[in-house]
Amino acid sequence: MKLDDIIREAHCEGCRNNSLVDWTQRRQQVVTAAKRTWDFYYRDAFGYDEYHPISRTGRNFTRYGLGYYIADVLDTLWLMDLKDEYKAGRDFLVSQATFDQPGTVSLFETTIRLLGGLLSAYHWSGETDGALLELADQLGSRLSMSFNTSTGIPPETAILRSDGRPFVVESSLSEVSTLQLEFRYLAKLTGKQSYQLQVDQIMDIIFRAPKFDGLVSNYINGTNGELSGTFISLGSRGDSYYEYLLKQWLQTEKTELVFREEYESAMDGVRKYLATVSPNQNLTYIGELLEINSDAPKFSPKMDHLVCFLAGNLALGSTNGVPLSDILPSSIRPRDREDLILGRELGETCAHMYFDTPSGLSPEIGWFRQLDHKTGNDIPFNSNEQLKKPDGDILVHSLDRHYILRPETVESFYLLWKITGETRWREYGWQVFEAIEKWVWSPEYGYTSIHNVCVIPPTRRDSVETFFLSETLKYLYLLFSDTDPVSLTEHVFNTEAHPLPIFKWE
């Protein structure tokens, strides 16, 4: 369907919700899955930071644990009206969680999951649960010590109990540029401007650095503030830098134009260097650029599942969260139309990464067939790695066939549905959920990660990431909601799916 037709249908009275499907019933099945996930964790590992469902054990990341798992899922429990489960988790955090303990943690993961979870839960309490805000402030003050380097670029790990200067050599781009939504909101709530200034300084350094048509290498040197990587990727080590460019602009009511400018410049670079189409299935995908410091950078047809966030991010940025049905068609800028078209095409490709596998679950990484432009023939590939034969374009290496319940694809389905009103995105989400229920769920273990999505039945891993409940099930719940529990014009999701409010600096 062409974009003009989609816009026209969005403005059609009665066309948006004309499905005969009972989406309320489907949403309730997601709530059931969420309750199961919590119940198994509560039975086997309540209070632990990490859960291993097959061995029925938990593990902490520090000596006493951080309440990591609970904080990350708390707002999901609230939004799904699982109030008893929410109360058990909230009360544990308030009475048991402490951050005054020895040990190191991932600055990035602890910020997006633990700090973001506490801040979101505080917001959904109506900003009245002061105990949650106090915990967030305590954690933020300890994590912020990581910014006390010579450049302000933090290391990837944070020391919770330290008075010395942190040591940093090289940090990944995404890990230092995906702290901003959380610390800026914490600054707003507490009045402690230092939280904002520290994370803004990181962005200032990145913005001043030379770029590759708006794109940034995936590493930054913490001792001199210079970009130090040799490749560009919107997957691991790069993804959420681009996500947070747009979202920082949205977070403060579109008042800080530099973030939108950098975002648009980066998306121009994506279209110029990274976006391409596969030869047979005509799948639009986002590859990587290697050897960027050489005279002849090389394109790699590799796309992580992580890159699928971009489909929804492009849709979000094309209208700033406003449904097409509420926008005059003539007011949509040409570049925003291009972004929405690219987002839809990428969303289709991400759906294929699920639906082209025997299990209906996506591998961690996909590779794509390429043509030799000189001969017009396929660049040689291993046909045993094809998901569909003989003409399928998605290839999956043996080490990339695992599925760890990632959220990026269903996140994009949700955002594409909210922006365009196209029912196909809800149906795609339901297909993913059906595959999860068929292969991931077990009455004995609950939900587990999958070792190989290309065999039937898939084999299991003894792990379930917190983001399955925090993100994947939350986005499916929102995708199947006919109402609007989280307004995209009043909230911005952090990269761990924690909805934070849009605000203005005073």
Protein backbone atom coordinates (compact mmCIF):
# COMPACT_ATOMS: atom_id res chain seq x y z
CA MET A 1 0.00 0.00 0.00
CA LYS A 2 1.33 3.44 -0.93
CA LEU A 3 1.80 6.05 1.77
CA ASP A 4 -0.87 8.32 0.31
CA ASP A 5 -3.37 5.46 0.58
CA ILE A 6 -2.33 4.84 4.18
CA ILE A 7 -2.81 8.51 5.03
CA ARG A 8 -6.17 8.52 3.27
CA GLU A 9 -7.30 5.42 5.18
CA ALA A 10 -6.10 6.93 8.45
CA HIS A 11 -8.53 9.81 7.85
CA CYS A 12 -11.39 7.44 7.01
CA GLU A 13 -13.97 7.50 9.78
CA GLY A 14 -14.45 3.98 11.09
CA CYS A 15 -11.56 2.43 9.12
CA ARG A 16 -9.06 2.41 11.97
CA ASN A 17 -10.83 -0.07 14.25
CA ASN A 18 -12.92 -2.09 11.81
CA SER A 19 -11.28 -5.42 12.67
CA LEU A 20 -13.53 -8.27 13.77
CA VAL A 21 -10.75 -9.58 16.01
CA ASP A 22 -11.33 -9.39 19.77
CA TRP A 23 -8.17 -7.49 20.67
CA THR A 24 -9.24 -7.19 24.31
CA GLN A 25 -9.17 -10.97 24.58
CA ARG A 26 -5.75 -11.10 22.92
CA ARG A 27 -4.45 -8.44 25.25
CA GLN A 28 -5.68 -10.48 28.22
CA GLN A 29 -3.62 -13.42 26.98
CA VAL A 30 -0.55 -11.17 27.19
CA VAL A 31 -1.50 -10.26 30.76
CA THR A 32 -1.71 -13.98 31.52
CA ALA A 33 1.79 -14.45 30.09
CA ALA A 34 3.08 -11.57 32.20
CA LYS A 35 1.57 -13.00 35.36
CA ARG A 36 3.06 -16.39 34.60
CA THR A 37 6.48 -14.80 34.10
CA TRP A 38 6.25 -13.00 37.42
CA ASP A 39 4.87 -16.01 39.26
CA PHE A 40 7.74 -18.28 38.20
CA TYR A 41 10.29 -15.62 39.14
CA TYR A 42 8.52 -15.05 42.47
CA ARG A 43 8.50 -18.78 43.19
CA ASP A 44 12.16 -19.44 42.35
CA ALA A 45 14.20 -16.26 42.61
CA PHE A 46 12.26 -13.38 44.16
CA GLY A 47 14.59 -10.52 45.02
CA TYR A 48 17.46 -11.73 42.85
CA ASP A 49 18.74 -9.62 39.97
CA GLU A 50 18.73 -12.42 37.41
CA TYR A 51 16.56 -15.51 36.93
CA HIS A 52 17.49 -18.93 35.54
CA PRO A 53 14.18 -20.74 35.03
CA ILE A 54 15.38 -24.24 34.14
CA SER A 55 17.67 -24.57 37.17
CA ARG A 56 15.12 -22.60 39.22
CA THR A 57 17.79 -20.31 40.66
CA GLY A 58 18.56 -16.63 40.90
CA ARG A 59 21.81 -14.66 40.81
CA ASN A 60 22.81 -11.22 42.03
CA PHE A 61 25.10 -8.81 40.22
CA THR A 62 26.54 -7.48 43.49
CA ARG A 63 27.05 -8.93 46.95
CA TYR A 64 23.56 -8.09 48.20
CA GLY A 65 21.72 -7.60 44.95
CA LEU A 66 20.15 -4.43 43.60
CA GLY A 67 16.50 -5.27 43.07
CA TYR A 68 17.39 -5.17 39.37
CA TYR A 69 14.79 -7.59 38.04
CA ILE A 70 11.97 -6.16 40.14
CA ALA A 71 12.64 -2.52 39.31
CA ASP A 72 12.80 -3.30 35.61
CA VAL A 73 9.35 -4.93 35.49
CA LEU A 74 7.50 -2.79 38.03
CA ASP A 75 5.80 -0.40 35.60
CA THR A 76 4.67 -3.32 33.43
CA LEU A 77 2.87 -4.79 36.44
CA TRP A 78 1.27 -1.40 37.09
CA LEU A 79 0.12 -0.84 33.51
CA MET A 80 -1.35 -4.34 33.34
CA ASP A 81 -3.23 -3.77 36.60
CA LEU A 82 -1.36 -6.58 38.35
CA LYS A 83 -1.56 -4.62 41.57
CA ASP A 84 -0.77 -7.42 44.05
CA GLU A 85 2.36 -8.29 42.11
CA TYR A 86 3.26 -4.62 41.86
CA LYS A 87 2.87 -4.15 45.62
CA ALA A 88 5.07 -7.17 46.39
CA GLY A 89 7.80 -5.82 44.12
CA ARG A 90 7.51 -2.23 45.28
CA ASP A 91 7.56 -3.18 48.96
CA PHE A 92 10.65 -5.34 48.45
CA LEU A 93 12.53 -2.48 46.81
CA VAL A 94 11.59 0.05 49.46
CA SER A 95 12.43 -2.23 52.37
CA GLN A 96 15.36 -4.25 51.02
CA ALA A 97 17.17 -2.54 48.15
CA THR A 98 20.44 -0.80 48.95
CA PHE A 99 23.06 0.67 46.64
CA ASP A 100 25.64 1.32 49.35
CA GLN A 101 27.61 -1.83 48.70
CA PRO A 102 30.86 -2.88 47.03
CA GLY A 103 30.96 -4.04 43.46
CA THR A 104 30.83 -2.86 39.87
CA VAL A 105 27.83 -2.78 37.59
CA SER A 106 27.15 -1.89 33.98
CA LEU A 107 26.49 1.85 33.93
CA PHE A 108 24.30 1.56 30.85
CA GLU A 109 22.22 -1.45 31.88
CA THR A 110 21.78 -0.24 35.46
CA THR A 111 20.65 3.17 34.21
CA ILE A 112 18.14 1.99 31.63
CA ARG A 113 16.73 -0.93 33.63
CA LEU A 114 17.05 -0.06 37.30
CA LEU A 115 17.08 3.75 37.36
CA GLY A 116 14.64 3.95 34.45
CA GLY A 117 12.35 1.43 36.13
CA LEU A 118 12.32 3.32 39.42
CA LEU A 119 11.64 6.64 37.69
CA SER A 120 8.83 5.22 35.58
CA ALA A 121 7.19 3.53 38.56
CA TYR A 122 7.42 6.83 40.45
CA HIS A 123 5.79 8.64 37.52
CA TRP A 124 2.92 6.13 37.29
CA SER A 125 2.31 6.50 41.02
CA GLY A 126 1.20 10.02 40.15
CA GLU A 127 4.63 11.22 41.32
CA THR A 128 3.49 10.58 44.89
CA ASP A 129 5.53 7.53 45.95
CA GLY A 130 8.44 9.39 47.48
CA ALA A 131 10.20 6.19 48.55
CA LEU A 132 10.72 5.23 44.90
CA LEU A 133 12.09 8.67 44.06
CA GLU A 134 14.44 8.48 47.03
CA LEU A 135 15.77 5.16 45.76
CA ALA A 136 16.22 6.62 42.28
CA ASP A 137 18.12 9.60 43.68
CA GLN A 138 20.35 7.35 45.79
CA LEU A 139 21.16 5.23 42.76
CA GLY A 140 21.64 8.22 40.48
CA SER A 141 24.09 9.85 42.88
CA ARG A 142 26.24 6.71 42.92
CA LEU A 143 26.10 6.11 39.18
CA SER A 144 26.90 9.75 38.47
CA MET A 145 30.32 9.33 40.06
CA SER A 146 31.25 7.58 36.80
CA PHE A 147 31.10 10.93 35.00
CA ASN A 148 34.02 12.31 37.03
CA THR A 149 36.63 11.60 34.36
CA SER A 150 38.94 14.10 32.69
CA THR A 151 36.57 14.41 29.72
CA GLY A 152 33.25 13.57 31.36
CA ILE A 153 33.00 10.42 29.23
CA PRO A 154 32.26 7.58 31.68
CA PRO A 155 33.62 4.05 31.61
CA GLU A 156 31.22 1.24 30.81
CA THR A 157 31.22 0.03 34.40
CA ALA A 158 30.22 1.96 37.50
CA ILE A 159 31.62 1.46 41.01
CA LEU A 160 28.80 1.85 43.50
CA ARG A 161 31.02 2.70 46.45
CA SER A 162 33.97 4.82 45.37
CA ASP A 163 35.52 8.19 46.16
CA GLY A 164 38.26 7.97 43.52
CA ARG A 165 38.27 9.03 39.90
CA PRO A 166 36.94 6.33 37.56
CA PHE A 167 39.35 4.91 34.99
CA VAL A 168 38.23 5.02 31.36
CA VAL A 169 39.97 4.22 28.10
CA GLU A 170 37.33 3.37 25.54
CA SER A 171 33.55 3.17 25.84
CA SER A 172 30.88 2.10 23.38
CA LEU A 173 28.88 4.89 21.78
CA SER A 174 25.46 3.61 22.80
CA GLU A 175 26.44 2.98 26.41
CA VAL A 176 27.49 6.59 27.07
CA SER A 177 24.73 8.22 25.00
CA THR A 178 21.79 6.24 26.40
CA LEU A 179 21.79 7.65 29.91
CA GLN A 180 20.30 11.01 29.09
CA LEU A 181 16.53 10.50 29.31
CA GLU A 182 16.88 8.99 32.76
CA PHE A 183 19.30 11.49 34.28
CA ARG A 184 17.53 14.49 32.75
CA TYR A 185 14.19 13.38 34.25
CA LEU A 186 15.92 12.72 37.57
CA ALA A 187 17.33 16.26 37.43
CA LYS A 188 13.84 17.61 36.79
CA LEU A 189 12.39 15.72 39.75
CA THR A 190 15.13 16.42 42.28
CA GLY A 191 16.20 19.89 41.18
CA LYS A 192 19.81 18.64 41.02
CA GLN A 193 21.06 20.24 37.83
CA SER A 194 24.33 18.31 37.94
CA TYR A 195 22.54 15.20 36.72
CA GLN A 196 21.53 17.00 33.55
CA LEU A 197 24.82 18.82 33.00
CA GLN A 198 26.85 15.63 33.25
CA VAL A 199 24.92 13.74 30.59
CA ASP A 200 24.58 16.83 28.39
CA GLN A 201 28.37 17.17 28.39
CA ILE A 202 28.64 13.70 26.84
CA MET A 203 26.34 14.72 24.01
CA ASP A 204 28.24 17.98 23.47
CA ILE A 205 31.47 16.03 22.98
CA ILE A 206 29.84 13.68 20.48
CA PHE A 207 28.19 16.54 18.61
CA ARG A 208 31.54 18.35 18.20
CA ALA A 209 33.28 15.26 16.85
CA PRO A 210 33.76 14.69 13.09
CA LYS A 211 31.06 12.45 11.68
CA PHE A 212 30.44 10.28 8.66
CA ASP A 213 27.51 12.20 7.17
CA GLY A 214 25.78 12.31 10.53
CA LEU A 215 26.77 8.75 11.47
CA VAL A 216 29.12 8.03 14.35
CA SER A 217 31.60 5.23 14.93
CA ASN A 218 30.64 2.78 17.64
CA TYR A 219 33.37 3.65 20.17
CA ILE A 220 34.59 6.79 21.89
CA ASN A 221 37.91 7.38 23.69
CA GLY A 222 37.24 8.50 27.24
CA THR A 223 40.66 10.08 27.76
CA ASN A 224 40.51 12.55 24.86
CA GLY A 225 36.84 12.51 23.85
CA GLU A 226 37.57 11.44 20.28
CA LEU A 227 35.57 8.87 18.33
CA SER A 228 37.75 5.79 18.08
CA GLY A 229 35.81 3.02 16.38
CA THR A 230 36.41 1.55 12.94
CA PHE A 231 32.81 0.67 12.03
CA ILE A 232 29.31 2.13 12.05
CA SER A 233 26.32 0.06 13.09
CA LEU A 234 22.77 0.67 14.25
CA GLY A 235 22.99 -2.64 16.06
CA SER A 236 25.07 -3.48 19.12
CA ARG A 237 27.18 -0.58 20.45
CA GLY A 238 25.44 2.02 18.31
CA ASP A 239 21.66 1.55 18.27
CA SER A 240 20.30 3.64 21.10
CA TYR A 241 22.52 6.66 20.38
CA TYR A 242 20.29 7.30 17.37
CA GLU A 243 17.15 6.41 19.32
CA TYR A 244 17.94 8.94 22.05
CA LEU A 245 18.72 11.76 19.61
CA LEU A 246 15.04 11.87 18.69
CA LYS A 247 13.76 11.11 22.16
CA GLN A 248 15.77 13.80 23.94
CA TRP A 249 14.18 16.31 21.58
CA LEU A 250 10.73 14.92 22.32
CA GLN A 251 11.34 14.66 26.09
CA THR A 252 11.53 18.42 26.64
CA GLU A 253 8.63 19.33 24.36
CA LYS A 254 10.75 19.77 21.22
CA THR A 255 12.53 22.80 22.68
CA GLU A 256 16.16 21.67 22.18
CA LEU A 257 16.56 21.77 18.42
CA VAL A 258 20.11 20.40 18.31
CA PHE A 259 18.84 16.89 19.05
CA ARG A 260 16.40 16.96 16.11
CA GLU A 261 19.07 18.36 13.80
CA GLU A 262 21.56 15.64 14.73
CA TYR A 263 18.83 13.00 14.38
CA GLU A 264 17.85 14.12 10.89
CA SER A 265 21.48 14.32 9.81
CA ALA A 266 22.03 10.76 11.05
CA MET A 267 18.95 9.45 9.23
CA ASP A 268 20.23 11.05 6.03
CA GLY A 269 23.45 9.10 6.57
CA VAL A 270 21.47 5.88 7.14
CA ARG A 271 19.67 6.29 3.83
CA LYS A 272 22.91 7.15 2.00
CA TYR A 273 25.20 4.40 3.34
CA LEU A 274 23.32 1.72 5.27
CA ALA A 275 19.83 1.20 3.84
CA THR A 276 19.54 -1.17 0.90
CA VAL A 277 17.20 -3.75 -0.62
CA SER A 278 17.76 -7.49 -1.00
CA PRO A 279 17.68 -8.95 -4.55
CA ASN A 280 14.86 -11.53 -4.47
CA GLN A 281 12.45 -10.80 -1.62
CA ASN A 282 12.97 -7.03 -1.95
CA LEU A 283 13.55 -6.67 1.78
CA THR A 284 14.78 -3.29 2.97
CA TYR A 285 17.46 -3.69 5.61
CA ILE A 286 20.08 -1.62 7.43
CA GLY A 287 23.62 -2.96 7.05
CA GLU A 288 26.90 -1.88 8.63
CA LEU A 289 29.83 0.17 7.37
CA LEU A 290 33.29 -1.26 8.07
CA GLU A 291 36.80 0.20 7.81
CA ILE A 292 35.43 3.72 7.96
CA ASN A 293 38.87 5.25 8.45
CA SER A 294 40.14 3.82 5.17
CA ASP A 295 39.85 5.28 1.69
CA ALA A 296 37.26 2.65 0.78
CA PRO A 297 34.82 1.76 3.58
CA LYS A 298 33.07 -1.57 3.07
CA PHE A 299 29.37 -2.32 3.35
CA SER A 300 28.39 -5.40 5.36
CA PRO A 301 24.94 -6.99 4.84
CA LYS A 302 24.58 -7.80 8.54
CA MET A 303 21.58 -6.67 10.58
CA ASP A 304 21.13 -7.38 14.28
CA HIS A 305 17.66 -7.90 15.72
CA LEU A 306 18.52 -4.76 17.71
CA VAL A 307 18.33 -2.69 14.50
CA CYS A 308 14.60 -3.36 14.29
CA PHE A 309 14.05 -0.55 16.81
CA LEU A 310 14.65 1.83 13.92
CA ALA A 311 11.41 0.96 12.12
CA GLY A 312 9.33 2.32 14.98
CA ASN A 313 11.71 5.17 15.72
CA LEU A 314 11.38 6.42 12.15
CA ALA A 315 7.59 6.27 12.43
CA LEU A 316 7.69 8.11 15.76
CA GLY A 317 9.93 10.83 14.37
CA SER A 318 7.85 11.27 11.23
CA THR A 319 4.86 12.62 13.18
CA ASN A 320 6.34 13.18 16.67
CA GLY A 321 3.92 10.60 18.04
CA VAL A 322 0.75 12.07 16.54
CA PRO A 323 -1.43 9.54 14.63
CA LEU A 324 -1.71 10.17 10.90
CA SER A 325 -5.47 10.45 11.43
CA ASP A 326 -4.89 13.65 13.41
CA ILE A 327 -2.55 15.30 10.89
CA LEU A 328 -3.34 17.25 7.74
CA PRO A 329 -1.71 15.31 4.88
CA SER A 330 -0.32 18.53 3.44
CA SER A 331 1.53 19.27 6.69
CA ILE A 332 3.75 16.18 6.49
CA ARG A 333 7.19 17.23 5.28
CA PRO A 334 8.76 15.29 2.38
CA ARG A 335 11.60 14.01 4.59
CA ASP A 336 9.11 12.82 7.19
CA ARG A 337 7.23 10.94 4.47
CA GLU A 338 10.52 9.31 3.45
CA ASP A 339 11.23 8.35 7.06
CA LEU A 340 7.80 6.77 7.46
CA ILE A 341 8.17 4.85 4.19
CA LEU A 342 11.58 3.54 5.29
CA GLY A 343 10.20 2.65 8.72
CA ARG A 344 7.34 0.63 7.22
CA GLU A 345 9.66 -1.19 4.82
CA LEU A 346 12.09 -2.03 7.60
CA GLY A 347 9.19 -3.20 9.78
CA GLU A 348 8.23 -5.68 7.05
CA THR A 349 11.79 -7.01 6.93
CA CYS A 350 11.86 -7.44 10.71
CA ALA A 351 8.61 -9.40 10.43
CA HIS A 352 10.26 -11.68 7.86
CA MET A 353 13.11 -12.36 10.29
CA TYR A 354 10.45 -14.03 12.45
CA PHE A 355 8.08 -15.52 9.93
CA ASP A 356 10.73 -17.01 7.61
CA THR A 357 12.16 -19.27 10.36
CA PRO A 358 10.70 -22.71 11.07
CA SER A 359 9.79 -21.66 14.63
CA GLY A 360 8.41 -18.23 13.79
CA LEU A 361 10.97 -16.72 16.18
CA SER A 362 13.75 -14.38 15.08
CA PRO A 363 17.47 -15.11 15.21
CA GLU A 364 19.77 -12.67 16.98
CA ILE A 365 21.43 -11.62 13.71
CA GLY A 366 20.48 -11.88 10.06
CA TRP A 367 22.70 -11.61 7.01
CA PHE A 368 21.38 -10.79 3.54
CA ARG A 369 22.15 -12.02 0.06
CA GLN A 370 23.95 -9.55 -2.15
CA LEU A 371 24.45 -9.20 -5.87
CA ASP A 372 27.80 -8.55 -7.46
CA HIS A 373 27.03 -5.31 -9.28
CA LYS A 374 29.65 -6.05 -11.94
CA THR A 375 28.30 -9.47 -12.93
CA GLY A 376 24.72 -9.31 -11.70
CA ASN A 377 25.21 -12.66 -9.98
CA ASP A 378 24.89 -13.61 -6.32
CA ILE A 379 27.92 -13.07 -4.16
CA PRO A 380 28.62 -16.66 -3.01
CA PHE A 381 26.80 -17.76 0.12
CA ASN A 382 26.09 -20.94 2.07
CA SER A 383 22.65 -22.17 1.03
CA ASN A 384 22.40 -24.12 4.29
CA GLU A 385 22.08 -20.75 6.03
CA GLN A 386 19.05 -19.64 3.99
CA LEU A 387 15.81 -19.28 5.91
CA LYS A 388 13.73 -19.85 2.76
CA LYS A 389 14.84 -21.87 -0.25
CA PRO A 390 15.63 -21.43 -3.04
CA ASP A 391 15.18 -17.66 -3.29
CA GLY A 392 15.19 -16.45 0.31
CA ASP A 393 17.44 -13.50 1.06
CA ILE A 394 17.89 -13.86 4.84
CA LEU A 395 20.86 -15.97 5.94
CA VAL A 396 21.56 -17.01 9.51
CA HIS A 397 24.97 -18.24 10.69
CA SER A 398 24.99 -21.13 13.14
CA LEU A 399 26.19 -18.96 16.05
CA ASP A 400 23.46 -16.35 15.48
CA ARG A 401 20.37 -18.57 15.70
CA HIS A 402 19.44 -17.92 19.32
CA TYR A 403 16.41 -15.94 20.48
CA ILE A 404 16.58 -14.14 23.81
CA LEU A 405 13.05 -12.68 23.77
CA ARG A 406 14.16 -9.31 22.42
CA PRO A 407 11.56 -6.53 22.12
CA GLU A 408 12.71 -4.36 19.19
CA THR A 409 10.46 -5.83 16.52
CA VAL A 410 7.23 -5.78 18.54
CA GLU A 411 8.22 -2.30 19.79
CA SER A 412 8.23 -1.16 16.17
CA PHE A 413 4.96 -2.96 15.43
CA TYR A 414 3.40 -1.00 18.30
CA LEU A 415 4.73 2.37 17.12
CA LEU A 416 3.83 1.70 13.48
CA TRP A 417 0.30 0.73 14.56
CA LYS A 418 -0.15 3.83 16.70
CA ILE A 419 1.13 6.15 13.94
CA THR A 420 -0.44 4.59 10.83
CA GLY A 421 -3.48 2.74 12.20
CA GLU A 422 -2.67 -0.23 9.92
CA THR A 423 -4.04 -3.43 11.45
CA ARG A 424 -1.28 -5.50 9.82
CA TRP A 425 1.14 -4.50 12.60
CA ARG A 426 -1.20 -5.85 15.26
CA GLU A 427 -1.61 -9.09 13.32
CA TYR A 428 2.17 -9.40 13.01
CA GLY A 429 2.48 -8.91 16.74
CA TRP A 430 -0.09 -11.61 17.37
CA GLN A 431 1.86 -14.04 15.17
CA VAL A 432 4.99 -13.34 17.22
CA PHE A 433 3.08 -13.85 20.46
CA GLU A 434 1.64 -17.15 19.19
CA ALA A 435 5.17 -18.38 18.42
CA ILE A 436 6.29 -17.34 21.90
CA GLU A 437 3.43 -19.25 23.48
CA LYS A 438 4.11 -22.31 21.31
CA TRP A 439 7.88 -22.58 21.73
CA VAL A 440 9.04 -20.32 24.57
CA TRP A 441 6.43 -21.15 27.21
CA SER A 442 6.74 -24.33 29.25
CA PRO A 443 4.46 -25.36 32.14
CA GLU A 444 7.57 -26.71 33.85
CA TYR A 445 9.98 -23.79 33.40
CA GLY A 446 7.86 -20.81 32.46
CA TYR A 447 9.38 -18.75 29.64
CA THR A 448 12.97 -19.33 28.53
CA SER A 449 15.34 -18.14 25.85
CA ILE A 450 15.76 -20.36 22.78
CA HIS A 451 19.05 -21.82 21.56
CA ASN A 452 18.19 -22.34 17.90
CA VAL A 453 15.14 -20.89 16.12
CA CYS A 454 15.87 -22.91 12.97
CA VAL A 455 15.00 -26.33 14.37
CA ILE A 456 11.70 -27.80 15.53
CA PRO A 457 11.27 -28.07 18.42
CA PRO A 458 13.76 -25.38 19.41
CA THR A 459 16.10 -26.19 22.27
CA ARG A 460 16.03 -24.06 25.42
CA ARG A 461 18.52 -21.93 27.32
CA ASP A 462 18.48 -21.55 31.09
CA SER A 463 17.84 -17.82 30.98
CA VAL A 464 15.10 -15.24 30.65
CA GLU A 465 16.10 -11.60 30.39
CA THR A 466 14.25 -9.00 32.43
CA PHE A 467 13.34 -7.22 29.21
CA PHE A 468 10.92 -10.01 28.28
CA LEU A 469 8.52 -8.73 30.94
CA SER A 470 9.75 -5.17 30.98
CA GLU A 471 9.62 -4.62 27.20
CA THR A 472 8.42 -7.45 24.97
CA LEU A 473 5.21 -8.25 26.82
CA LYS A 474 4.59 -4.57 27.60
CA TYR A 475 4.75 -3.59 23.93
CA LEU A 476 2.50 -6.51 22.96
CA TYR A 477 0.02 -5.43 25.65
CA LEU A 478 0.02 -1.88 24.32
CA LEU A 479 -0.19 -3.11 20.71
CA PHE A 480 -3.36 -5.05 21.51
CA SER A 481 -4.93 -2.20 23.52
CA ASP A 482 -7.79 -0.35 21.83
CA THR A 483 -7.42 2.48 24.34
CA ASP A 484 -4.26 4.55 24.78
CA PRO A 485 -2.66 3.63 28.13
CA VAL A 486 0.54 5.48 27.25
CA SER A 487 0.08 8.57 25.08
CA LEU A 488 2.95 9.07 22.64
CA THR A 489 2.47 12.83 22.79
CA GLU A 490 2.74 12.87 26.59
CA HIS A 491 5.41 10.20 27.17
CA VAL A 492 8.68 9.02 25.73
CA PHE A 493 9.87 5.44 26.21
CA ASN A 494 13.42 4.93 27.33
CA THR A 495 15.31 2.16 25.55
CA GLU A 496 14.08 -0.36 28.16
CA ALA A 497 10.42 0.54 27.45
CA HIS A 498 9.98 2.61 30.60
CA PRO A 499 7.52 5.41 29.76
CA LEU A 500 8.76 8.75 31.13
CA PRO A 501 6.76 11.97 30.95
CA ILE A 502 7.44 14.76 28.50
CA PHE A 503 8.22 17.99 30.37
CA LYS A 504 9.67 21.48 30.07
CA TRP A 505 12.68 22.80 31.91
CA GLU A 506 11.74 25.59 34.30
